[in-house]
Amino acid sequence: MKRIVTAAFVVALFTTPIWAATQTTTLKVPGMTCPTCPITVKKALQRVPGVSKIDVNYEQKEIAVTFDDTKTSEASIMKATSDIGFPSQPVKSVK
């Protein structure tokens, strides 16, 4: 029995990272109209579980957010900005 539990633990340990994926999304935040707005947005996003990196471009009114997709989603990130009064939408990439 002990071997089965140990084997299951080892399998779970090595297979879990396969499911986790880090993603980056870029969002347009047109409501960032003053120099303190990016600070407010960044602080709100830091509280979202799974967010690991936030780059704010005030001039272009965009934020790039890197996150663990097993802990949060793009929709949750957009909700976090909307909840503090800064609605956002994904930037469409041009190919």
PDB file of N, CA and C in Angstrom:
ATOM      1  N   MET A   1       0.827  -1.197   0.000  1.00  0.00           N
ATOM      2  CA  MET A   1       0.000   0.000   0.000  1.00  0.00           C
ATOM      3  C   MET A   1       0.866   1.253   0.000  1.00  0.00           C
ATOM      4  N   LYS A   2       1.923   1.202   0.799  1.00  0.00           N
ATOM      5  CA  LYS A   2       2.811   2.360   0.900  1.00  0.00           C
ATOM      6  C   LYS A   2       3.473   2.658  -0.445  1.00  0.00           C
ATOM      7  N   ARG A   3       3.807   1.606  -1.193  1.00  0.00           N
ATOM      8  CA  ARG A   3       4.428   1.793  -2.512  1.00  0.00           C
ATOM      9  C   ARG A   3       3.454   2.445  -3.496  1.00  0.00           C
ATOM     10  N   ILE A   4       2.197   2.084  -3.417  1.00  0.00           N
ATOM     11  CA  ILE A   4       1.191   2.649  -4.315  1.00  0.00           C
ATOM     12  C   ILE A   4       1.023   4.148  -4.038  1.00  0.00           C
ATOM     13  N   VAL A   5       0.956   4.504  -2.774  1.00  0.00           N
ATOM     14  CA  VAL A   5       0.808   5.910  -2.397  1.00  0.00           C
ATOM     15  C   VAL A   5       2.044   6.697  -2.834  1.00  0.00           C
ATOM     16  N   THR A   6       3.220   6.141  -2.624  1.00  0.00           N
ATOM     17  CA  THR A   6       4.459   6.806  -3.030  1.00  0.00           C
ATOM     18  C   THR A   6       4.504   6.963  -4.541  1.00  0.00           C
ATOM     19  N   ALA A   7       4.149   5.928  -5.270  1.00  0.00           N
ATOM     20  CA  ALA A   7       4.147   5.992  -6.731  1.00  0.00           C
ATOM     21  C   ALA A   7       3.147   7.037  -7.229  1.00  0.00           C
ATOM     22  N   ALA A   8       1.978   7.090  -6.626  1.00  0.00           N
ATOM     23  CA  ALA A   8       0.973   8.083  -7.019  1.00  0.00           C
ATOM     24  C   ALA A   8       1.474   9.491  -6.749  1.00  0.00           C
ATOM     25  N   PHE A   9       2.146   9.684  -5.643  1.00  0.00           N
ATOM     26  CA  PHE A   9       2.704  10.994  -5.306  1.00  0.00           C
ATOM     27  C   PHE A   9       3.754  11.412  -6.331  1.00  0.00           C
ATOM     28  N   VAL A  10       4.640  10.513  -6.687  1.00  0.00           N
ATOM     29  CA  VAL A  10       5.699  10.820  -7.666  1.00  0.00           C
ATOM     30  C   VAL A  10       5.092  11.153  -9.021  1.00  0.00           C
ATOM     31  N   VAL A  11       4.112  10.392  -9.444  1.00  0.00           N
ATOM     32  CA  VAL A  11       3.439  10.667 -10.721  1.00  0.00           C
ATOM     33  C   VAL A  11       2.775  12.038 -10.683  1.00  0.00           C
ATOM     34  N   ALA A  12       2.076  12.345  -9.604  1.00  0.00           N
ATOM     35  CA  ALA A  12       1.403  13.650  -9.477  1.00  0.00           C
ATOM     36  C   ALA A  12       2.416  14.779  -9.454  1.00  0.00           C
ATOM     37  N   LEU A  13       3.530  14.560  -8.814  1.00  0.00           N
ATOM     38  CA  LEU A  13       4.564  15.582  -8.713  1.00  0.00           C
ATOM     39  C   LEU A  13       5.122  15.948 -10.072  1.00  0.00           C
ATOM     40  N   PHE A  14       5.322  14.970 -10.929  1.00  0.00           N
ATOM     41  CA  PHE A  14       5.938  15.227 -12.225  1.00  0.00           C
ATOM     42  C   PHE A  14       4.938  15.549 -13.328  1.00  0.00           C
ATOM     43  N   THR A  15       3.681  15.256 -13.168  1.00  0.00           N
ATOM     44  CA  THR A  15       2.706  15.543 -14.218  1.00  0.00           C
ATOM     45  C   THR A  15       1.978  16.860 -14.017  1.00  0.00           C
ATOM     46  N   THR A  16       1.911  17.373 -12.811  1.00  0.00           N
ATOM     47  CA  THR A  16       1.195  18.625 -12.554  1.00  0.00           C
ATOM     48  C   THR A  16       1.754  19.796 -13.365  1.00  0.00           C
ATOM     49  N   PRO A  17       3.065  19.994 -13.453  1.00  0.00           N
ATOM     50  CA  PRO A  17       3.567  21.124 -14.237  1.00  0.00           C
ATOM     51  C   PRO A  17       3.203  21.064 -15.716  1.00  0.00           C
ATOM     52  N   ILE A  18       2.904  19.884 -16.221  1.00  0.00           N
ATOM     53  CA  ILE A  18       2.515  19.768 -17.624  1.00  0.00           C
ATOM     54  C   ILE A  18       1.204  20.500 -17.871  1.00  0.00           C
ATOM     55  N   TRP A  19       0.293  20.459 -16.917  1.00  0.00           N
ATOM     56  CA  TRP A  19      -1.006  21.102 -17.083  1.00  0.00           C
ATOM     57  C   TRP A  19      -0.936  22.610 -16.902  1.00  0.00           C
ATOM     58  N   ALA A  20      -0.018  23.074 -16.071  1.00  0.00           N
ATOM     59  CA  ALA A  20       0.100  24.503 -15.800  1.00  0.00           C
ATOM     60  C   ALA A  20       0.793  25.183 -16.972  1.00  0.00           C
ATOM     61  N   ALA A  21       0.273  26.317 -17.365  1.00  0.00           N
ATOM     62  CA  ALA A  21       0.884  27.069 -18.453  1.00  0.00           C
ATOM     63  C   ALA A  21       0.867  28.549 -18.105  1.00  0.00           C
ATOM     64  N   THR A  22       1.991  29.182 -18.334  1.00  0.00           N
ATOM     65  CA  THR A  22       2.058  30.620 -18.130  1.00  0.00           C
ATOM     66  C   THR A  22       1.628  31.286 -19.425  1.00  0.00           C
ATOM     67  N   GLN A  23       0.739  32.232 -19.301  1.00  0.00           N
ATOM     68  CA  GLN A  23       0.255  32.969 -20.470  1.00  0.00           C
ATOM     69  C   GLN A  23       0.450  34.457 -20.242  1.00  0.00           C
ATOM     70  N   THR A  24       0.522  35.177 -21.327  1.00  0.00           N
ATOM     71  CA  THR A  24       0.580  36.635 -21.257  1.00  0.00           C
ATOM     72  C   THR A  24      -0.533  37.194 -22.124  1.00  0.00           C
ATOM     73  N   THR A  25      -1.254  38.143 -21.574  1.00  0.00           N
ATOM     74  CA  THR A  25      -2.292  38.828 -22.322  1.00  0.00           C
ATOM     75  C   THR A  25      -2.021  40.321 -22.286  1.00  0.00           C
ATOM     76  N   THR A  26      -2.352  40.992 -23.359  1.00  0.00           N
ATOM     77  CA  THR A  26      -2.223  42.444 -23.405  1.00  0.00           C
ATOM     78  C   THR A  26      -3.625  43.025 -23.478  1.00  0.00           C
ATOM     79  N   LEU A  27      -3.893  43.946 -22.569  1.00  0.00           N
ATOM     80  CA  LEU A  27      -5.220  44.549 -22.478  1.00  0.00           C
ATOM     81  C   LEU A  27      -5.145  46.048 -22.706  1.00  0.00           C
ATOM     82  N   LYS A  28      -6.115  46.565 -23.397  1.00  0.00           N
ATOM     83  CA  LYS A  28      -6.270  48.003 -23.594  1.00  0.00           C
ATOM     84  C   LYS A  28      -7.093  48.533 -22.426  1.00  0.00           C
ATOM     85  N   VAL A  29      -6.597  49.614 -21.800  1.00  0.00           N
ATOM     86  CA  VAL A  29      -7.287  50.230 -20.664  1.00  0.00           C
ATOM     87  C   VAL A  29      -7.447  51.720 -20.984  1.00  0.00           C
ATOM     88  N   PRO A  30      -8.477  52.082 -21.754  1.00  0.00           N
ATOM     89  CA  PRO A  30      -8.629  53.471 -22.184  1.00  0.00           C
ATOM     90  C   PRO A  30      -8.879  54.453 -21.047  1.00  0.00           C
ATOM     91  N   GLY A  31      -9.305  53.964 -19.894  1.00  0.00           N
ATOM     92  CA  GLY A  31      -9.601  54.844 -18.770  1.00  0.00           C
ATOM     93  C   GLY A  31      -8.375  55.350 -18.020  1.00  0.00           C
ATOM     94  N   MET A  32      -7.183  54.868 -18.374  1.00  0.00           N
ATOM     95  CA  MET A  32      -5.970  55.358 -17.709  1.00  0.00           C
ATOM     96  C   MET A  32      -5.634  56.734 -18.282  1.00  0.00           C
ATOM     97  N   THR A  33      -6.116  57.771 -17.606  1.00  0.00           N
ATOM     98  CA  THR A  33      -5.965  59.126 -18.134  1.00  0.00           C
ATOM     99  C   THR A  33      -5.033  60.018 -17.327  1.00  0.00           C
ATOM    100  N   CYS A  34      -4.536  59.523 -16.197  1.00  0.00           N
ATOM    101  CA  CYS A  34      -3.618  60.328 -15.399  1.00  0.00           C
ATOM    102  C   CYS A  34      -2.427  59.469 -14.973  1.00  0.00           C
ATOM    103  N   PRO A  35      -1.346  60.082 -14.560  1.00  0.00           N
ATOM    104  CA  PRO A  35      -0.143  59.317 -14.202  1.00  0.00           C
ATOM    105  C   PRO A  35      -0.303  58.367 -13.010  1.00  0.00           C
ATOM    106  N   THR A  36      -1.306  58.575 -12.161  1.00  0.00           N
ATOM    107  CA  THR A  36      -1.494  57.663 -11.030  1.00  0.00           C
ATOM    108  C   THR A  36      -2.385  56.468 -11.368  1.00  0.00           C
ATOM    109  N   CYS A  37      -3.093  56.528 -12.474  1.00  0.00           N
ATOM    110  CA  CYS A  37      -3.971  55.421 -12.880  1.00  0.00           C
ATOM    111  C   CYS A  37      -3.211  54.091 -13.021  1.00  0.00           C
ATOM    112  N   PRO A  38      -2.044  54.060 -13.665  1.00  0.00           N
ATOM    113  CA  PRO A  38      -1.328  52.788 -13.788  1.00  0.00           C
ATOM    114  C   PRO A  38      -0.972  52.168 -12.435  1.00  0.00           C
ATOM    115  N   ILE A  39      -0.704  53.001 -11.451  1.00  0.00           N
ATOM    116  CA  ILE A  39      -0.378  52.493 -10.116  1.00  0.00           C
ATOM    117  C   ILE A  39      -1.598  51.778  -9.533  1.00  0.00           C
ATOM    118  N   THR A  40      -2.755  52.381  -9.669  1.00  0.00           N
ATOM    119  CA  THR A  40      -3.994  51.794  -9.164  1.00  0.00           C
ATOM    120  C   THR A  40      -4.290  50.466  -9.848  1.00  0.00           C
ATOM    121  N   VAL A  41      -4.148  50.437 -11.169  1.00  0.00           N
ATOM    122  CA  VAL A  41      -4.418  49.217 -11.936  1.00  0.00           C
ATOM    123  C   VAL A  41      -3.432  48.117 -11.543  1.00  0.00           C
ATOM    124  N   LYS A  42      -2.167  48.472 -11.433  1.00  0.00           N
ATOM    125  CA  LYS A  42      -1.141  47.483 -11.093  1.00  0.00           C
ATOM    126  C   LYS A  42      -1.381  46.887  -9.701  1.00  0.00           C
ATOM    127  N   LYS A  43      -1.741  47.722  -8.743  1.00  0.00           N
ATOM    128  CA  LYS A  43      -2.013  47.225  -7.387  1.00  0.00           C
ATOM    129  C   LYS A  43      -3.193  46.256  -7.384  1.00  0.00           C
ATOM    130  N   ALA A  44      -4.221  46.553  -8.160  1.00  0.00           N
ATOM    131  CA  ALA A  44      -5.383  45.658  -8.231  1.00  0.00           C
ATOM    132  C   ALA A  44      -4.997  44.313  -8.845  1.00  0.00           C
ATOM    133  N   LEU A  45      -4.178  44.342  -9.883  1.00  0.00           N
ATOM    134  CA  LEU A  45      -3.779  43.102 -10.549  1.00  0.00           C
ATOM    135  C   LEU A  45      -2.820  42.278  -9.702  1.00  0.00           C
ATOM    136  N   GLN A  46      -2.059  42.914  -8.854  1.00  0.00           N
ATOM    137  CA  GLN A  46      -1.155  42.182  -7.958  1.00  0.00           C
ATOM    138  C   GLN A  46      -1.931  41.329  -6.961  1.00  0.00           C
ATOM    139  N   ARG A  47      -3.171  41.675  -6.713  1.00  0.00           N
ATOM    140  CA  ARG A  47      -4.001  40.911  -5.782  1.00  0.00           C
ATOM    141  C   ARG A  47      -4.693  39.709  -6.440  1.00  0.00           C
ATOM    142  N   VAL A  48      -4.592  39.587  -7.756  1.00  0.00           N
ATOM    143  CA  VAL A  48      -5.222  38.467  -8.453  1.00  0.00           C
ATOM    144  C   VAL A  48      -4.312  37.241  -8.335  1.00  0.00           C
ATOM    145  N   PRO A  49      -4.812  36.147  -7.755  1.00  0.00           N
ATOM    146  CA  PRO A  49      -3.982  34.941  -7.623  1.00  0.00           C
ATOM    147  C   PRO A  49      -3.521  34.443  -8.993  1.00  0.00           C
ATOM    148  N   GLY A  50      -2.251  34.109  -9.093  1.00  0.00           N
ATOM    149  CA  GLY A  50      -1.710  33.574 -10.343  1.00  0.00           C
ATOM    150  C   GLY A  50      -1.022  34.601 -11.224  1.00  0.00           C
ATOM    151  N   VAL A  51      -1.236  35.886 -10.968  1.00  0.00           N
ATOM    152  CA  VAL A  51      -0.574  36.922 -11.765  1.00  0.00           C
ATOM    153  C   VAL A  51       0.873  37.030 -11.287  1.00  0.00           C
ATOM    154  N   SER A  52       1.810  36.925 -12.232  1.00  0.00           N
ATOM    155  CA  SER A  52       3.224  36.934 -11.859  1.00  0.00           C
ATOM    156  C   SER A  52       3.981  38.153 -12.368  1.00  0.00           C
ATOM    157  N   LYS A  53       3.463  38.811 -13.392  1.00  0.00           N
ATOM    158  CA  LYS A  53       4.172  39.972 -13.944  1.00  0.00           C
ATOM    159  C   LYS A  53       3.157  40.933 -14.558  1.00  0.00           C
ATOM    160  N   ILE A  54       3.391  42.224 -14.331  1.00  0.00           N
ATOM    161  CA  ILE A  54       2.503  43.256 -14.866  1.00  0.00           C
ATOM    162  C   ILE A  54       3.366  44.362 -15.454  1.00  0.00           C
ATOM    163  N   ASP A  55       3.199  44.633 -16.732  1.00  0.00           N
ATOM    164  CA  ASP A  55       3.899  45.731 -17.389  1.00  0.00           C
ATOM    165  C   ASP A  55       2.854  46.723 -17.878  1.00  0.00           C
ATOM    166  N   VAL A  56       2.956  47.949 -17.399  1.00  0.00           N
ATOM    167  CA  VAL A  56       1.989  48.981 -17.761  1.00  0.00           C
ATOM    168  C   VAL A  56       2.635  49.960 -18.730  1.00  0.00           C
ATOM    169  N   ASN A  57       1.948  50.231 -19.849  1.00  0.00           N
ATOM    170  CA  ASN A  57       2.389  51.242 -20.804  1.00  0.00           C
ATOM    171  C   ASN A  57       1.344  52.362 -20.783  1.00  0.00           C
ATOM    172  N   TYR A  58       1.630  53.388 -19.986  1.00  0.00           N
ATOM    173  CA  TYR A  58       0.664  54.478 -19.798  1.00  0.00           C
ATOM    174  C   TYR A  58       0.398  55.221 -21.112  1.00  0.00           C
ATOM    175  N   GLU A  59       1.445  55.454 -21.889  1.00  0.00           N
ATOM    176  CA  GLU A  59       1.283  56.222 -23.130  1.00  0.00           C
ATOM    177  C   GLU A  59       0.328  55.532 -24.111  1.00  0.00           C
ATOM    178  N   GLN A  60       0.420  54.201 -24.199  1.00  0.00           N
ATOM    179  CA  GLN A  60      -0.455  53.457 -25.111  1.00  0.00           C
ATOM    180  C   GLN A  60      -1.724  52.953 -24.418  1.00  0.00           C
ATOM    181  N   LYS A  61      -1.813  53.203 -23.103  1.00  0.00           N
ATOM    182  CA  LYS A  61      -2.970  52.779 -22.311  1.00  0.00           C
ATOM    183  C   LYS A  61      -3.178  51.266 -22.406  1.00  0.00           C
ATOM    184  N   GLU A  62      -2.069  50.528 -22.224  1.00  0.00           N
ATOM    185  CA  GLU A  62      -2.101  49.075 -22.293  1.00  0.00           C
ATOM    186  C   GLU A  62      -1.381  48.467 -21.091  1.00  0.00           C
ATOM    187  N   ILE A  63      -1.798  47.267 -20.754  1.00  0.00           N
ATOM    188  CA  ILE A  63      -1.101  46.492 -19.725  1.00  0.00           C
ATOM    189  C   ILE A  63      -0.844  45.094 -20.278  1.00  0.00           C
ATOM    190  N   ALA A  64       0.339  44.575 -20.014  1.00  0.00           N
ATOM    191  CA  ALA A  64       0.673  43.190 -20.358  1.00  0.00           C
ATOM    192  C   ALA A  64       0.743  42.424 -19.037  1.00  0.00           C
ATOM    193  N   VAL A  65      -0.038  41.379 -18.942  1.00  0.00           N
ATOM    194  CA  VAL A  65      -0.138  40.619 -17.699  1.00  0.00           C
ATOM    195  C   VAL A  65       0.250  39.168 -17.973  1.00  0.00           C
ATOM    196  N   THR A  66       1.226  38.682 -17.211  1.00  0.00           N
ATOM    197  CA  THR A  66       1.636  37.286 -17.286  1.00  0.00           C
ATOM    198  C   THR A  66       1.012  36.563 -16.097  1.00  0.00           C
ATOM    199  N   PHE A  67       0.386  35.412 -16.373  1.00  0.00           N
ATOM    200  CA  PHE A  67      -0.345  34.714 -15.324  1.00  0.00           C
ATOM    201  C   PHE A  67      -0.324  33.209 -15.531  1.00  0.00           C
ATOM    202  N   ASP A  68      -0.592  32.496 -14.457  1.00  0.00           N
ATOM    203  CA  ASP A  68      -0.709  31.040 -14.463  1.00  0.00           C
ATOM    204  C   ASP A  68      -2.164  30.716 -14.783  1.00  0.00           C
ATOM    205  N   ASP A  69      -2.382  30.060 -15.913  1.00  0.00           N
ATOM    206  CA  ASP A  69      -3.766  29.813 -16.338  1.00  0.00           C
ATOM    207  C   ASP A  69      -4.484  28.743 -15.515  1.00  0.00           C
ATOM    208  N   THR A  70      -3.791  28.110 -14.577  1.00  0.00           N
ATOM    209  CA  THR A  70      -4.481  27.184 -13.683  1.00  0.00           C
ATOM    210  C   THR A  70      -5.028  27.915 -12.464  1.00  0.00           C
ATOM    211  N   LYS A  71      -4.595  29.155 -12.252  1.00  0.00           N
ATOM    212  CA  LYS A  71      -5.029  29.920 -11.083  1.00  0.00           C
ATOM    213  C   LYS A  71      -5.946  31.086 -11.430  1.00  0.00           C
ATOM    214  N   THR A  72      -5.861  31.598 -12.639  1.00  0.00           N
ATOM    215  CA  THR A  72      -6.708  32.723 -13.050  1.00  0.00           C
ATOM    216  C   THR A  72      -6.900  32.687 -14.561  1.00  0.00           C
ATOM    217  N   SER A  73      -7.659  33.622 -15.064  1.00  0.00           N
ATOM    218  CA  SER A  73      -7.954  33.678 -16.502  1.00  0.00           C
ATOM    219  C   SER A  73      -7.936  35.130 -16.969  1.00  0.00           C
ATOM    220  N   GLU A  74      -7.947  35.291 -18.266  1.00  0.00           N
ATOM    221  CA  GLU A  74      -8.007  36.630 -18.834  1.00  0.00           C
ATOM    222  C   GLU A  74      -9.285  37.340 -18.382  1.00  0.00           C
ATOM    223  N   ALA A  75     -10.372  36.612 -18.311  1.00  0.00           N
ATOM    224  CA  ALA A  75     -11.644  37.198 -17.865  1.00  0.00           C
ATOM    225  C   ALA A  75     -11.551  37.702 -16.426  1.00  0.00           C
ATOM    226  N   SER A  76     -10.886  36.949 -15.558  1.00  0.00           N
ATOM    227  CA  SER A  76     -10.718  37.375 -14.161  1.00  0.00           C
ATOM    228  C   SER A  76      -9.844  38.618 -14.064  1.00  0.00           C
ATOM    229  N   ILE A  77      -8.854  38.688 -14.916  1.00  0.00           N
ATOM    230  CA  ILE A  77      -7.972  39.860 -14.930  1.00  0.00           C
ATOM    231  C   ILE A  77      -8.751  41.094 -15.401  1.00  0.00           C
ATOM    232  N   MET A  78      -9.559  40.921 -16.442  1.00  0.00           N
ATOM    233  CA  MET A  78     -10.372  42.043 -16.922  1.00  0.00           C
ATOM    234  C   MET A  78     -11.403  42.457 -15.873  1.00  0.00           C
ATOM    235  N   LYS A  79     -11.936  41.498 -15.144  1.00  0.00           N
ATOM    236  CA  LYS A  79     -12.891  41.813 -14.075  1.00  0.00           C
ATOM    237  C   LYS A  79     -12.207  42.622 -12.974  1.00  0.00           C
ATOM    238  N   ALA A  80     -10.961  42.268 -12.651  1.00  0.00           N
ATOM    239  CA  ALA A  80     -10.229  42.997 -11.611  1.00  0.00           C
ATOM    240  C   ALA A  80     -10.031  44.459 -11.995  1.00  0.00           C
ATOM    241  N   THR A  81      -9.744  44.735 -13.264  1.00  0.00           N
ATOM    242  CA  THR A  81      -9.588  46.138 -13.683  1.00  0.00           C
ATOM    243  C   THR A  81     -10.932  46.851 -13.701  1.00  0.00           C
ATOM    244  N   SER A  82     -11.957  46.158 -14.143  1.00  0.00           N
ATOM    245  CA  SER A  82     -13.296  46.764 -14.177  1.00  0.00           C
ATOM    246  C   SER A  82     -13.819  47.068 -12.779  1.00  0.00           C
ATOM    247  N   ASP A  83     -13.525  46.180 -11.831  1.00  0.00           N
ATOM    248  CA  ASP A  83     -13.992  46.367 -10.461  1.00  0.00           C
ATOM    249  C   ASP A  83     -13.442  47.632  -9.806  1.00  0.00           C
ATOM    250  N   ILE A  84     -12.301  48.120 -10.285  1.00  0.00           N
ATOM    251  CA  ILE A  84     -11.731  49.350  -9.719  1.00  0.00           C
ATOM    252  C   ILE A  84     -11.988  50.560 -10.617  1.00  0.00           C
ATOM    253  N   GLY A  85     -12.855  50.379 -11.616  1.00  0.00           N
ATOM    254  CA  GLY A  85     -13.242  51.504 -12.457  1.00  0.00           C
ATOM    255  C   GLY A  85     -12.438  51.683 -13.727  1.00  0.00           C
ATOM    256  N   PHE A  86     -11.682  50.658 -14.117  1.00  0.00           N
ATOM    257  CA  PHE A  86     -10.882  50.725 -15.325  1.00  0.00           C
ATOM    258  C   PHE A  86     -11.204  49.544 -16.241  1.00  0.00           C
ATOM    259  N   PRO A  87     -12.328  49.602 -16.941  1.00  0.00           N
ATOM    260  CA  PRO A  87     -12.674  48.501 -17.855  1.00  0.00           C
ATOM    261  C   PRO A  87     -11.552  48.287 -18.877  1.00  0.00           C
ATOM    262  N   SER A  88     -11.318  47.019 -19.225  1.00  0.00           N
ATOM    263  CA  SER A  88     -10.271  46.689 -20.180  1.00  0.00           C
ATOM    264  C   SER A  88     -10.789  45.668 -21.178  1.00  0.00           C
ATOM    265  N   GLN A  89     -10.109  45.592 -22.303  1.00  0.00           N
ATOM    266  CA  GLN A  89     -10.441  44.592 -23.309  1.00  0.00           C
ATOM    267  C   GLN A  89      -9.141  44.114 -23.960  1.00  0.00           C
ATOM    268  N   PRO A  90      -9.137  42.869 -24.450  1.00  0.00           N
ATOM    269  CA  PRO A  90      -7.928  42.336 -25.068  1.00  0.00           C
ATOM    270  C   PRO A  90      -7.535  43.134 -26.315  1.00  0.00           C
ATOM    271  N   VAL A  91      -6.240  43.286 -26.498  1.00  0.00           N
ATOM    272  CA  VAL A  91      -5.710  43.922 -27.704  1.00  0.00           C
ATOM    273  C   VAL A  91      -5.679  42.855 -28.787  1.00  0.00           C
ATOM    274  N   LYS A  92      -6.254  43.139 -29.910  1.00  0.00           N
ATOM    275  CA  LYS A  92      -6.254  42.182 -31.022  1.00  0.00           C
ATOM    276  C   LYS A  92      -4.910  42.271 -31.730  1.00  0.00           C
ATOM    277  N   SER A  93      -4.282  41.111 -31.926  1.00  0.00           N
ATOM    278  CA  SER A  93      -2.989  41.119 -32.593  1.00  0.00           C
ATOM    279  C   SER A  93      -3.196  41.150 -34.102  1.00  0.00           C
ATOM    280  N   VAL A  94      -2.345  41.894 -34.776  1.00  0.00           N
ATOM    281  CA  VAL A  94      -2.401  42.017 -36.227  1.00  0.00           C
ATOM    282  C   VAL A  94      -1.395  41.049 -36.806  1.00  0.00           C
ATOM    283  N   LYS A  95      -1.844  40.214 -37.737  1.00  0.00           N
ATOM    284  CA  LYS A  95      -0.944  39.216 -38.327  1.00  0.00           C
ATOM    285  C   LYS A  95      -0.687  39.511 -39.775  1.00  0.00           C
TER     286      LYS A  95
END
